Amino acid sequence: MIDVMKLCTCDNPECENNPRRCADACDTQAGGHELSCTSCVATNLECNSLPRCFFHKLGFKSEEINTWTFEEFAMKVMESTLREKGLA
């Protein structure tokens, strides 16, 4: 079973899907918050945005993100790719 406490890179303590928010009340190993990733993605998709972890995976910090939209993510993917290839 995946430990969402290790997987989740969300740095928004107010997010209702953040497993750290209920770390004391939930047993994440036993599935107490097992669906946090699913509910996070669902919540973001309803708002036409992407979860923070998608941006974090590219190496960006939350402070570097403005809108969390698909468009911004696409631009960040291109920026990350160009940086990896030494073109940015």
Protein backbone atom coordinates (compact mmCIF):
# COMPACT_ATOMS: atom_id res chain seq x y z
CA MET A 1 0.00 0.00 0.00
CA ILE A 2 1.22 3.52 -0.82
CA ASP A 3 1.96 5.85 2.09
CA VAL A 4 0.29 9.09 0.99
CA MET A 5 2.17 11.01 3.68
CA LYS A 6 5.38 10.30 1.75
CA LEU A 7 3.80 10.66 -1.70
CA CYS A 8 1.90 13.92 -1.21
CA THR A 9 3.95 17.07 -1.81
CA CYS A 10 1.09 19.46 -1.09
CA ASP A 11 2.26 22.44 0.91
CA ASN A 12 -1.20 23.89 1.39
CA PRO A 13 -2.17 23.04 4.98
CA GLU A 14 -5.71 24.31 4.39
CA CYS A 15 -6.44 21.87 1.57
CA GLU A 16 -9.07 19.39 2.67
CA ASN A 17 -7.33 16.67 0.64
CA ASN A 18 -3.93 17.19 2.29
CA PRO A 19 -3.16 14.03 4.30
CA ARG A 20 -1.11 16.02 6.82
CA ARG A 21 -4.29 17.80 7.82
CA CYS A 22 -5.66 14.67 9.42
CA ALA A 23 -2.37 12.94 10.27
CA ASP A 24 -3.37 12.55 13.90
CA ALA A 25 -6.93 11.47 13.21
CA CYS A 26 -6.36 9.23 10.18
CA ASP A 27 -4.35 6.08 9.74
CA THR A 28 -2.98 6.71 6.25
CA GLN A 29 -1.33 3.28 6.10
CA ALA A 30 -4.65 1.58 6.80
CA GLY A 31 -6.47 3.64 4.21
CA GLY A 32 -7.95 6.29 6.47
CA HIS A 33 -7.02 8.89 3.87
CA GLU A 34 -6.22 6.51 1.04
CA LEU A 35 -8.35 8.37 -1.48
CA SER A 36 -6.76 11.75 -0.84
CA CYS A 37 -4.99 11.74 -4.21
CA THR A 38 -8.14 10.73 -6.02
CA SER A 39 -10.24 13.33 -4.25
CA CYS A 40 -7.54 15.96 -4.80
CA VAL A 41 -7.40 15.31 -8.54
CA ALA A 42 -11.22 15.27 -8.73
CA THR A 43 -11.48 18.57 -6.85
CA ASN A 44 -8.90 20.20 -9.09
CA LEU A 45 -10.46 18.88 -12.29
CA GLU A 46 -13.80 20.35 -11.23
CA CYS A 47 -12.02 23.73 -11.08
CA ASN A 48 -10.12 23.18 -14.35
CA SER A 49 -6.83 23.13 -12.49
CA LEU A 50 -4.12 20.64 -11.55
CA PRO A 51 -2.86 19.51 -8.13
CA ARG A 52 0.30 21.06 -6.72
CA CYS A 53 2.17 17.76 -6.91
CA PHE A 54 2.05 17.88 -10.73
CA PHE A 55 3.97 21.18 -10.69
CA HIS A 56 6.24 20.02 -7.86
CA LYS A 57 7.21 16.93 -9.88
CA LEU A 58 8.60 19.30 -12.52
CA GLY A 59 10.74 20.96 -9.84
CA PHE A 60 8.68 24.11 -9.39
CA LYS A 61 7.84 25.56 -5.98
CA SER A 62 4.33 26.71 -5.17
CA GLU A 63 5.51 30.32 -5.07
CA GLU A 64 6.44 30.02 -8.76
CA ILE A 65 2.92 29.04 -9.81
CA ASN A 66 0.21 31.61 -10.45
CA THR A 67 -2.93 29.88 -11.69
CA TRP A 68 -2.51 26.09 -11.36
CA THR A 69 -4.25 25.77 -14.76
CA PHE A 70 -3.65 23.32 -17.58
CA GLU A 71 -2.22 26.18 -19.62
CA GLU A 72 0.28 27.14 -16.94
CA PHE A 73 1.23 23.48 -16.49
CA ALA A 74 1.86 23.15 -20.23
CA MET A 75 4.10 26.23 -20.13
CA LYS A 76 5.96 24.85 -17.10
CA VAL A 77 6.47 21.50 -18.88
CA MET A 78 8.02 23.36 -21.81
CA GLU A 79 10.13 25.51 -19.47
CA SER A 80 11.32 22.40 -17.60
CA THR A 81 12.13 20.57 -20.84
CA LEU A 82 14.09 23.52 -22.24
CA ARG A 83 15.97 23.87 -18.97
CA GLU A 84 16.87 20.14 -18.96
CA LYS A 85 18.22 20.46 -22.51
CA GLY A 86 20.22 23.55 -21.62
CA LEU A 87 18.16 25.76 -23.91
CA ALA A 88 16.69 28.04 -21.24
